[in-house]
C-alpha cells in the first residue's frame, strides 16, 4: 500500500479524533488532594492551593478585597459548572475577544486578580504565579489537549428569561442574606467559619469590580442556578437565578478604568455592564 495513502489515512483519522474530542465532552473528575506528590513539586502545588483558597491572607500586598479565588471557583476549582480549573492548562494559550489577541494562562490569571478580585496581580514570573500554575497543572494532568470537559466554565442556562430586579431583591433577602449579609457584605471573616471557603461579599469595595465575569448577567445567573445556595445548587429555578443575578450585579461596585480597552475589535457581549 503506498506510503502517501497511509499517511493520508492517518491524517484523516487524526482530524476525526479531534472532532470527536470537541463533540463529545468527557465526564468531569478531579483528583483528590491527598494525591498531591511529596517533595518540592508537591510543595509548590500545595502553595498554589493555599493561595487560591486563602488569597487575601496569602497575598496581602496584592489583594485588597475580601475575596478568595475559590469563592467563584468552588472547592479550589474542583466543582463542575463552577469554573473548575480541571483541564484549564490544556486550553491556554487561547484567543481572547476581549483583548483581541492570544492570552497565556498566567495572563488570564492576572486578569482574574484585577477584575474578579478587584486587586493587583502577581507578576508572570513570580513565586505566587508559579505556584498557582503548578496547582492548576496538577489538576489537569489527566486531561488531554483538545478534549472538552463536562461542566467547564459557566455554560449558559437553557433559558434566558427577562429578569425582574425587584423580585430578585426580595429573593436575596429571603434566600441569600443569611449567608452574604443584608448589605451583601459577606461573612468571610466569621470565626469559626461555617464553611472552609467563607461567604464572600457580593458588592461594594470588597467584592468584584464592574469588569469581572461575575458582573455579567448570564454568567452570574448560570453560577447561581447551578451552585447556590451553597451545597444545594439546582434548587432555584432559572427565573429565580436571573432575578437574583440582575439584582446583585446592579448593586454598587468598584469601577475598572482599563475597561475602555476591552473588545477593541467589537463583539462586546450584550450582558457586559459597560
C-alpha atoms as a PDB file:
ATOM      1  CA  UNK A   1       0.000   0.000   0.000  1.00  0.00           C
ATOM      2  CA  UNK A   2       1.508   3.390  -0.986  1.00  0.00           C
ATOM      3  CA  UNK A   3       3.017   5.327   1.893  1.00  0.00           C
ATOM      4  CA  UNK A   4       1.241   8.501   0.746  1.00  0.00           C
ATOM      5  CA  UNK A   5      -2.133   6.772   1.079  1.00  0.00           C
ATOM      6  CA  UNK A   6      -1.287   5.500   4.550  1.00  0.00           C
ATOM      7  CA  UNK A   7      -0.171   8.974   5.594  1.00  0.00           C
ATOM      8  CA  UNK A   8      -3.382  10.482   4.243  1.00  0.00           C
ATOM      9  CA  UNK A   9      -5.467   7.957   6.193  1.00  0.00           C
ATOM     10  CA  UNK A  10      -3.565   8.767   9.375  1.00  0.00           C
ATOM     11  CA  UNK A  11      -4.192  12.482   8.896  1.00  0.00           C
ATOM     12  CA  UNK A  12      -7.886  11.897   8.325  1.00  0.00           C
ATOM     13  CA  UNK A  13      -8.159   9.740  11.461  1.00  0.00           C
ATOM     14  CA  UNK A  14      -6.265  12.350  13.475  1.00  0.00           C
ATOM     15  CA  UNK A  15      -8.635  15.054  12.261  1.00  0.00           C
ATOM     16  CA  UNK A  16     -11.668  12.928  13.085  1.00  0.00           C
ATOM     17  CA  UNK A  17     -10.334  12.198  16.558  1.00  0.00           C
ATOM     18  CA  UNK A  18     -10.043  15.935  17.226  1.00  0.00           C
ATOM     19  CA  UNK A  19     -13.618  16.480  16.021  1.00  0.00           C
ATOM     20  CA  UNK A  20     -14.848  13.670  18.265  1.00  0.00           C
ATOM     21  CA  UNK A  21     -12.865  15.161  21.158  1.00  0.00           C
ATOM     22  CA  UNK A  22     -14.618  18.507  20.718  1.00  0.00           C
ATOM     23  CA  UNK A  23     -18.032  16.981  20.057  1.00  0.00           C
ATOM     24  CA  UNK A  24     -18.139  14.531  22.969  1.00  0.00           C
ATOM     25  CA  UNK A  25     -17.255  16.046  26.343  1.00  0.00           C
ATOM     26  CA  UNK A  26     -15.556  13.708  28.747  1.00  0.00           C
ATOM     27  CA  UNK A  27     -17.002  13.152  32.251  1.00  0.00           C
ATOM     28  CA  UNK A  28     -15.848  15.577  34.918  1.00  0.00           C
ATOM     29  CA  UNK A  29     -13.461  14.240  37.532  1.00  0.00           C
ATOM     30  CA  UNK A  30     -10.982  15.996  39.800  1.00  0.00           C
ATOM     31  CA  UNK A  31      -8.000  14.396  41.556  1.00  0.00           C
ATOM     32  CA  UNK A  32      -8.061  14.014  45.322  1.00  0.00           C
ATOM     33  CA  UNK A  33      -5.959  16.447  47.314  1.00  0.00           C
ATOM     34  CA  UNK A  34      -4.186  13.551  49.054  1.00  0.00           C
ATOM     35  CA  UNK A  35      -2.728  12.530  45.690  1.00  0.00           C
ATOM     36  CA  UNK A  36      -0.512  15.634  45.522  1.00  0.00           C
ATOM     37  CA  UNK A  37       3.030  14.244  45.342  1.00  0.00           C
ATOM     38  CA  UNK A  38       5.643  14.655  48.029  1.00  0.00           C
ATOM     39  CA  UNK A  39       8.788  16.694  47.552  1.00  0.00           C
ATOM     40  CA  UNK A  40       9.460  20.165  46.097  1.00  0.00           C
ATOM     41  CA  UNK A  41       6.946  19.770  43.263  1.00  0.00           C
ATOM     42  CA  UNK A  42       4.215  18.846  45.723  1.00  0.00           C
ATOM     43  CA  UNK A  43       5.177  21.730  47.996  1.00  0.00           C
ATOM     44  CA  UNK A  44       4.722  24.165  45.099  1.00  0.00           C
ATOM     45  CA  UNK A  45       1.341  22.636  44.229  1.00  0.00           C
ATOM     46  CA  UNK A  46       0.178  22.898  47.845  1.00  0.00           C
ATOM     47  CA  UNK A  47       1.385  26.509  47.956  1.00  0.00           C
ATOM     48  CA  UNK A  48      -0.767  27.245  44.916  1.00  0.00           C
ATOM     49  CA  UNK A  49      -3.749  25.577  46.561  1.00  0.00           C
ATOM     50  CA  UNK A  50      -3.266  27.689  49.678  1.00  0.00           C
ATOM     51  CA  UNK A  51      -3.047  30.915  47.685  1.00  0.00           C
ATOM     52  CA  UNK A  52      -6.205  30.124  45.744  1.00  0.00           C
ATOM     53  CA  UNK A  53      -8.249  29.257  48.844  1.00  0.00           C
ATOM     54  CA  UNK A  54      -6.888  31.900  51.246  1.00  0.00           C
ATOM     55  CA  UNK A  55      -5.974  34.625  48.778  1.00  0.00           C
ATOM     56  CA  UNK A  56      -6.158  37.854  50.862  1.00  0.00           C
ATOM     57  CA  UNK A  57      -4.065  36.479  53.711  1.00  0.00           C
ATOM     58  CA  UNK A  58      -1.508  34.785  51.474  1.00  0.00           C
ATOM     59  CA  UNK A  59      -1.001  37.818  49.207  1.00  0.00           C
ATOM     60  CA  UNK A  60      -1.793  40.827  51.422  1.00  0.00           C
ATOM     61  CA  UNK A  61       0.372  43.205  49.370  1.00  0.00           C
ATOM     62  CA  UNK A  62      -1.642  42.451  46.229  1.00  0.00           C
ATOM     63  CA  UNK A  63      -5.175  41.567  47.288  1.00  0.00           C
ATOM     64  CA  UNK A  64      -7.229  44.435  48.720  1.00  0.00           C
ATOM     65  CA  UNK A  65     -10.697  42.866  48.529  1.00  0.00           C
ATOM     66  CA  UNK A  66     -12.171  40.209  50.805  1.00  0.00           C
ATOM     67  CA  UNK A  67     -12.499  37.640  48.054  1.00  0.00           C
ATOM     68  CA  UNK A  68     -10.715  34.352  47.557  1.00  0.00           C
ATOM     69  CA  UNK A  69     -10.276  32.759  44.155  1.00  0.00           C
ATOM     70  CA  UNK A  70     -12.220  29.773  45.466  1.00  0.00           C
ATOM     71  CA  UNK A  71     -15.303  31.891  46.156  1.00  0.00           C
ATOM     72  CA  UNK A  72     -16.203  31.533  42.479  1.00  0.00           C
ATOM     73  CA  UNK A  73     -14.051  28.524  41.552  1.00  0.00           C
ATOM     74  CA  UNK A  74     -15.701  26.418  44.230  1.00  0.00           C
ATOM     75  CA  UNK A  75     -13.756  23.952  46.366  1.00  0.00           C
ATOM     76  CA  UNK A  76     -10.459  25.030  44.885  1.00  0.00           C
ATOM     77  CA  UNK A  77     -11.605  24.692  41.289  1.00  0.00           C
ATOM     78  CA  UNK A  78     -12.836  21.103  41.572  1.00  0.00           C
ATOM     79  CA  UNK A  79     -16.603  21.601  41.092  1.00  0.00           C
ATOM     80  CA  UNK A  80     -18.240  21.193  37.682  1.00  0.00           C
ATOM     81  CA  UNK A  81     -20.187  24.229  36.394  1.00  0.00           C
ATOM     82  CA  UNK A  82     -18.365  26.472  38.873  1.00  0.00           C
ATOM     83  CA  UNK A  83     -15.493  27.468  36.541  1.00  0.00           C
ATOM     84  CA  UNK A  84     -13.323  24.467  37.510  1.00  0.00           C
ATOM     85  CA  UNK A  85      -9.582  24.527  36.899  1.00  0.00           C
ATOM     86  CA  UNK A  86      -9.502  20.852  35.943  1.00  0.00           C
ATOM     87  CA  UNK A  87      -8.226  20.836  32.357  1.00  0.00           C
ATOM     88  CA  UNK A  88      -7.553  24.571  32.260  1.00  0.00           C
ATOM     89  CA  UNK A  89      -3.894  24.192  31.276  1.00  0.00           C
ATOM     90  CA  UNK A  90      -4.923  22.381  28.085  1.00  0.00           C
ATOM     91  CA  UNK A  91      -6.947  25.402  26.930  1.00  0.00           C
ATOM     92  CA  UNK A  92      -4.222  28.051  27.033  1.00  0.00           C
ATOM     93  CA  UNK A  93      -2.818  29.965  25.307  1.00  0.00           C
ATOM     94  CA  UNK A  94      -6.037  30.861  23.523  1.00  0.00           C
ATOM     95  CA  UNK A  95      -7.533  33.780  21.648  1.00  0.00           C
ATOM     96  CA  UNK A  96      -9.415  36.358  23.727  1.00  0.00           C
ATOM     97  CA  UNK A  97     -12.002  38.520  22.030  1.00  0.00           C
ATOM     98  CA  UNK A  98     -11.888  40.902  24.973  1.00  0.00           C
ATOM     99  CA  UNK A  99      -8.221  41.703  24.338  1.00  0.00           C
ATOM    100  CA  UNK A 100      -8.250  40.808  20.615  1.00  0.00           C
ATOM    101  CA  UNK A 101      -5.153  38.636  20.984  1.00  0.00           C
ATOM    102  CA  UNK A 102      -3.749  35.410  22.349  1.00  0.00           C
ATOM    103  CA  UNK A 103      -3.677  35.137  26.138  1.00  0.00           C
ATOM    104  CA  UNK A 104      -1.499  32.772  28.163  1.00  0.00           C
ATOM    105  CA  UNK A 105      -2.729  31.089  31.339  1.00  0.00           C
ATOM    106  CA  UNK A 106      -0.671  33.415  33.608  1.00  0.00           C
ATOM    107  CA  UNK A 107      -2.103  36.416  31.754  1.00  0.00           C
ATOM    108  CA  UNK A 108      -5.624  35.039  32.223  1.00  0.00           C
ATOM    109  CA  UNK A 109      -4.931  34.604  35.934  1.00  0.00           C
ATOM    110  CA  UNK A 110      -3.691  38.191  36.128  1.00  0.00           C
ATOM    111  CA  UNK A 111      -6.972  39.339  34.605  1.00  0.00           C
ATOM    112  CA  UNK A 112      -8.893  37.478  37.302  1.00  0.00           C
ATOM    113  CA  UNK A 113      -6.877  39.183  40.015  1.00  0.00           C
ATOM    114  CA  UNK A 114      -7.509  42.630  38.552  1.00  0.00           C
ATOM    115  CA  UNK A 115     -11.192  42.183  37.743  1.00  0.00           C
ATOM    116  CA  UNK A 116     -12.713  39.399  39.840  1.00  0.00           C
ATOM    117  CA  UNK A 117     -10.592  40.076  42.939  1.00  0.00           C
ATOM    118  CA  UNK A 118     -10.532  43.837  42.271  1.00  0.00           C
ATOM    119  CA  UNK A 119      -6.852  43.781  43.241  1.00  0.00           C
ATOM    120  CA  UNK A 120      -3.335  43.832  41.883  1.00  0.00           C
ATOM    121  CA  UNK A 121      -1.947  40.811  40.043  1.00  0.00           C
ATOM    122  CA  UNK A 122       1.205  38.779  40.711  1.00  0.00           C
ATOM    123  CA  UNK A 123       3.900  39.031  38.044  1.00  0.00           C
ATOM    124  CA  UNK A 124       4.048  36.254  35.474  1.00  0.00           C
ATOM    125  CA  UNK A 125       7.454  35.081  36.734  1.00  0.00           C
ATOM    126  CA  UNK A 126       6.677  35.459  40.463  1.00  0.00           C
ATOM    127  CA  UNK A 127       6.583  32.650  43.022  1.00  0.00           C
ATOM    128  CA  UNK A 128       2.835  33.007  43.633  1.00  0.00           C
ATOM    129  CA  UNK A 129       2.097  32.719  39.906  1.00  0.00           C
ATOM    130  CA  UNK A 130       4.369  29.699  39.558  1.00  0.00           C
ATOM    131  CA  UNK A 131       2.573  28.047  42.482  1.00  0.00           C
ATOM    132  CA  UNK A 132      -0.900  28.802  41.095  1.00  0.00           C
ATOM    133  CA  UNK A 133       0.003  27.396  37.676  1.00  0.00           C
ATOM    134  CA  UNK A 134       1.594  24.334  39.316  1.00  0.00           C
ATOM    135  CA  UNK A 135      -1.655  23.578  41.152  1.00  0.00           C
ATOM    136  CA  UNK A 136      -3.749  24.022  38.001  1.00  0.00           C
ATOM    137  CA  UNK A 137      -1.325  21.840  36.041  1.00  0.00           C
ATOM    138  CA  UNK A 138      -1.635  19.093  38.645  1.00  0.00           C
ATOM    139  CA  UNK A 139      -5.428  19.291  38.452  1.00  0.00           C
ATOM    140  CA  UNK A 140      -5.225  18.933  34.662  1.00  0.00           C
ATOM    141  CA  UNK A 141      -2.775  16.041  34.380  1.00  0.00           C
ATOM    142  CA  UNK A 142      -5.394  13.533  33.224  1.00  0.00           C
ATOM    143  CA  UNK A 143      -6.951  15.799  30.581  1.00  0.00           C
ATOM    144  CA  UNK A 144      -5.537  15.632  27.057  1.00  0.00           C
ATOM    145  CA  UNK A 145      -5.283  18.728  24.892  1.00  0.00           C
ATOM    146  CA  UNK A 146      -8.259  19.139  22.579  1.00  0.00           C
ATOM    147  CA  UNK A 147     -10.771  17.364  24.795  1.00  0.00           C
ATOM    148  CA  UNK A 148     -13.773  19.163  26.170  1.00  0.00           C
ATOM    149  CA  UNK A 149     -14.673  18.542  29.796  1.00  0.00           C
ATOM    150  CA  UNK A 150     -18.234  18.393  31.112  1.00  0.00           C
ATOM    151  CA  UNK A 151     -19.004  21.277  33.444  1.00  0.00           C
ATOM    152  CA  UNK A 152     -16.327  23.597  32.062  1.00  0.00           C
ATOM    153  CA  UNK A 153     -16.721  27.281  32.835  1.00  0.00           C
ATOM    154  CA  UNK A 154     -20.165  28.828  33.354  1.00  0.00           C
ATOM    155  CA  UNK A 155     -22.250  27.372  30.483  1.00  0.00           C
ATOM    156  CA  UNK A 156     -25.354  29.405  29.757  1.00  0.00           C
ATOM    157  CA  UNK A 157     -28.640  28.095  31.052  1.00  0.00           C
ATOM    158  CA  UNK A 158     -31.204  26.559  28.717  1.00  0.00           C
ATOM    159  CA  UNK A 159     -33.403  29.653  29.007  1.00  0.00           C
ATOM    160  CA  UNK A 160     -32.620  33.370  29.329  1.00  0.00           C
ATOM    161  CA  UNK A 161     -35.828  34.894  30.715  1.00  0.00           C
ATOM    162  CA  UNK A 162     -36.283  38.623  31.303  1.00  0.00           C
ATOM    163  CA  UNK A 163     -35.044  39.416  34.801  1.00  0.00           C
ATOM    164  CA  UNK A 164     -37.075  41.202  37.469  1.00  0.00           C
ATOM    165  CA  UNK A 165     -34.706  43.142  39.730  1.00  0.00           C
ATOM    166  CA  UNK A 166     -37.318  43.923  42.383  1.00  0.00           C
ATOM    167  CA  UNK A 167     -38.243  40.271  42.643  1.00  0.00           C
ATOM    168  CA  UNK A 168     -34.527  39.496  42.835  1.00  0.00           C
ATOM    169  CA  UNK A 169     -34.143  41.817  45.811  1.00  0.00           C
ATOM    170  CA  UNK A 170     -36.955  40.025  47.629  1.00  0.00           C
ATOM    171  CA  UNK A 171     -35.348  36.654  46.881  1.00  0.00           C
ATOM    172  CA  UNK A 172     -31.993  37.909  48.111  1.00  0.00           C
ATOM    173  CA  UNK A 173     -33.457  38.926  51.467  1.00  0.00           C
ATOM    174  CA  UNK A 174     -35.277  35.592  51.767  1.00  0.00           C
ATOM    175  CA  UNK A 175     -32.627  33.184  50.497  1.00  0.00           C
ATOM    176  CA  UNK A 176     -29.196  34.833  50.381  1.00  0.00           C
ATOM    177  CA  UNK A 177     -28.840  37.457  53.117  1.00  0.00           C
ATOM    178  CA  UNK A 178     -28.440  34.847  55.845  1.00  0.00           C
ATOM    179  CA  UNK A 179     -25.017  33.982  54.396  1.00  0.00           C
ATOM    180  CA  UNK A 180     -23.990  37.031  52.360  1.00  0.00           C
ATOM    181  CA  UNK A 181     -25.442  39.689  54.673  1.00  0.00           C
ATOM    182  CA  UNK A 182     -28.336  42.085  54.136  1.00  0.00           C
ATOM    183  CA  UNK A 183     -25.962  44.599  52.565  1.00  0.00           C
ATOM    184  CA  UNK A 184     -24.095  41.994  50.553  1.00  0.00           C
ATOM    185  CA  UNK A 185     -21.064  42.388  52.822  1.00  0.00           C
ATOM    186  CA  UNK A 186     -20.428  38.656  53.219  1.00  0.00           C
ATOM    187  CA  UNK A 187     -19.297  36.625  56.210  1.00  0.00           C
ATOM    188  CA  UNK A 188     -15.813  35.704  55.070  1.00  0.00           C
ATOM    189  CA  UNK A 189     -14.120  36.535  58.367  1.00  0.00           C
ATOM    190  CA  UNK A 190     -16.583  34.816  60.668  1.00  0.00           C
ATOM    191  CA  UNK A 191     -14.886  32.768  63.404  1.00  0.00           C
ATOM    192  CA  UNK A 192     -15.315  29.872  63.400  1.00  0.00           C
ATOM    193  CA  UNK A 193     -16.149  29.782  59.725  1.00  0.00           C
ATOM    194  CA  UNK A 194     -19.234  27.749  58.882  1.00  0.00           C
ATOM    195  CA  UNK A 195     -17.653  26.554  55.655  1.00  0.00           C
ATOM    196  CA  UNK A 196     -13.958  26.453  54.757  1.00  0.00           C
ATOM    197  CA  UNK A 197     -14.405  28.830  51.805  1.00  0.00           C
ATOM    198  CA  UNK A 198     -16.449  31.521  53.535  1.00  0.00           C
ATOM    199  CA  UNK A 199     -19.385  33.621  52.378  1.00  0.00           C
ATOM    200  CA  UNK A 200     -17.979  36.318  50.099  1.00  0.00           C
ATOM    201  CA  UNK A 201     -19.137  39.924  49.774  1.00  0.00           C
ATOM    202  CA  UNK A 202     -21.245  40.385  46.647  1.00  0.00           C
ATOM    203  CA  UNK A 203     -20.908  44.127  46.124  1.00  0.00           C
ATOM    204  CA  UNK A 204     -19.044  47.146  47.442  1.00  0.00           C
ATOM    205  CA  UNK A 205     -15.304  47.814  47.533  1.00  0.00           C
ATOM    206  CA  UNK A 206     -14.513  44.360  48.944  1.00  0.00           C
ATOM    207  CA  UNK A 207     -16.161  42.496  46.057  1.00  0.00           C
ATOM    208  CA  UNK A 208     -15.515  42.033  42.327  1.00  0.00           C
ATOM    209  CA  UNK A 209     -15.496  45.098  40.119  1.00  0.00           C
ATOM    210  CA  UNK A 210     -17.689  46.026  37.168  1.00  0.00           C
ATOM    211  CA  UNK A 211     -15.388  44.335  34.627  1.00  0.00           C
ATOM    212  CA  UNK A 212     -15.454  40.889  36.262  1.00  0.00           C
ATOM    213  CA  UNK A 213     -17.101  37.961  34.549  1.00  0.00           C
ATOM    214  CA  UNK A 214     -19.452  37.586  37.512  1.00  0.00           C
ATOM    215  CA  UNK A 215     -20.740  41.102  36.864  1.00  0.00           C
ATOM    216  CA  UNK A 216     -22.352  39.807  33.665  1.00  0.00           C
ATOM    217  CA  UNK A 217     -25.971  38.684  33.845  1.00  0.00           C
ATOM    218  CA  UNK A 218     -25.800  35.355  32.000  1.00  0.00           C
ATOM    219  CA  UNK A 219     -22.659  34.179  33.796  1.00  0.00           C
ATOM    220  CA  UNK A 220     -23.973  35.199  37.218  1.00  0.00           C
ATOM    221  CA  UNK A 221     -27.339  33.540  36.613  1.00  0.00           C
ATOM    222  CA  UNK A 222     -25.676  30.297  35.488  1.00  0.00           C
ATOM    223  CA  UNK A 223     -23.434  30.236  38.563  1.00  0.00           C
ATOM    224  CA  UNK A 224     -26.319  30.976  40.928  1.00  0.00           C
ATOM    225  CA  UNK A 225     -28.716  28.413  39.476  1.00  0.00           C
ATOM    226  CA  UNK A 226     -26.180  25.578  39.468  1.00  0.00           C
ATOM    227  CA  UNK A 227     -24.327  26.332  42.708  1.00  0.00           C
ATOM    228  CA  UNK A 228     -26.441  28.380  45.118  1.00  0.00           C
ATOM    229  CA  UNK A 229     -27.416  28.100  47.905  1.00  0.00           C
ATOM    230  CA  UNK A 230     -24.010  26.703  48.787  1.00  0.00           C
ATOM    231  CA  UNK A 231     -24.031  22.887  48.704  1.00  0.00           C
ATOM    232  CA  UNK A 232     -27.652  22.950  47.447  1.00  0.00           C
ATOM    233  CA  UNK A 233     -27.222  24.076  43.852  1.00  0.00           C
ATOM    234  CA  UNK A 234     -30.092  23.426  41.464  1.00  0.00           C
ATOM    235  CA  UNK A 235     -32.999  24.161  43.798  1.00  0.00           C
ATOM    236  CA  UNK A 236     -33.581  27.646  42.369  1.00  0.00           C
ATOM    237  CA  UNK A 237     -35.470  27.979  39.104  1.00  0.00           C
ATOM    238  CA  UNK A 238     -33.827  29.616  36.102  1.00  0.00           C
ATOM    239  CA  UNK A 239     -36.178  32.573  36.530  1.00  0.00           C
ATOM    240  CA  UNK A 240     -35.167  32.965  40.177  1.00  0.00           C
ATOM    241  CA  UNK A 241     -31.493  32.771  39.233  1.00  0.00           C
ATOM    242  CA  UNK A 242     -31.905  35.528  36.657  1.00  0.00           C
ATOM    243  CA  UNK A 243     -33.846  37.718  39.063  1.00  0.00           C
ATOM    244  CA  UNK A 244     -31.183  37.306  41.750  1.00  0.00           C
ATOM    245  CA  UNK A 245     -28.319  37.850  39.322  1.00  0.00           C
ATOM    246  CA  UNK A 246     -29.864  41.032  37.967  1.00  0.00           C
ATOM    247  CA  UNK A 247     -30.278  42.409  41.479  1.00  0.00           C
ATOM    248  CA  UNK A 248     -26.751  41.527  42.602  1.00  0.00           C
ATOM    249  CA  UNK A 249     -24.850  42.769  39.569  1.00  0.00           C
ATOM    250  CA  UNK A 250     -26.586  46.155  39.681  1.00  0.00           C
ATOM    251  CA  UNK A 251     -25.523  46.890  43.245  1.00  0.00           C
ATOM    252  CA  UNK A 252     -22.711  49.427  43.818  1.00  0.00           C
ATOM    253  CA  UNK A 253     -19.261  48.104  42.963  1.00  0.00           C
ATOM    254  CA  UNK A 254     -15.826  49.421  42.026  1.00  0.00           C
ATOM    255  CA  UNK A 255     -15.063  50.646  38.533  1.00  0.00           C
ATOM    256  CA  UNK A 256     -12.214  49.298  36.382  1.00  0.00           C
ATOM    257  CA  UNK A 257     -10.777  52.143  34.278  1.00  0.00           C
ATOM    258  CA  UNK A 258      -8.778  49.882  31.878  1.00  0.00           C
ATOM    259  CA  UNK A 259     -12.113  48.525  30.675  1.00  0.00           C
ATOM    260  CA  UNK A 260     -12.029  51.187  27.946  1.00  0.00           C
ATOM    261  CA  UNK A 261      -9.567  48.926  26.100  1.00  0.00           C
ATOM    262  CA  UNK A 262     -11.836  45.863  26.133  1.00  0.00           C
ATOM    263  CA  UNK A 263     -13.158  44.378  22.868  1.00  0.00           C
ATOM    264  CA  UNK A 264     -11.159  46.711  20.609  1.00  0.00           C
ATOM    265  CA  UNK A 265     -12.418  44.870  17.524  1.00  0.00           C
ATOM    266  CA  UNK A 266     -16.049  44.790  18.671  1.00  0.00           C
ATOM    267  CA  UNK A 267     -18.112  41.822  19.764  1.00  0.00           C
ATOM    268  CA  UNK A 268     -18.791  43.005  23.310  1.00  0.00           C
ATOM    269  CA  UNK A 269     -21.296  40.640  24.982  1.00  0.00           C
ATOM    270  CA  UNK A 270     -24.801  42.013  25.398  1.00  0.00           C
ATOM    271  CA  UNK A 271     -24.705  41.467  29.169  1.00  0.00           C
ATOM    272  CA  UNK A 272     -21.473  43.399  29.807  1.00  0.00           C
ATOM    273  CA  UNK A 273     -22.048  46.086  32.432  1.00  0.00           C
ATOM    274  CA  UNK A 274     -20.224  48.803  30.486  1.00  0.00           C
END
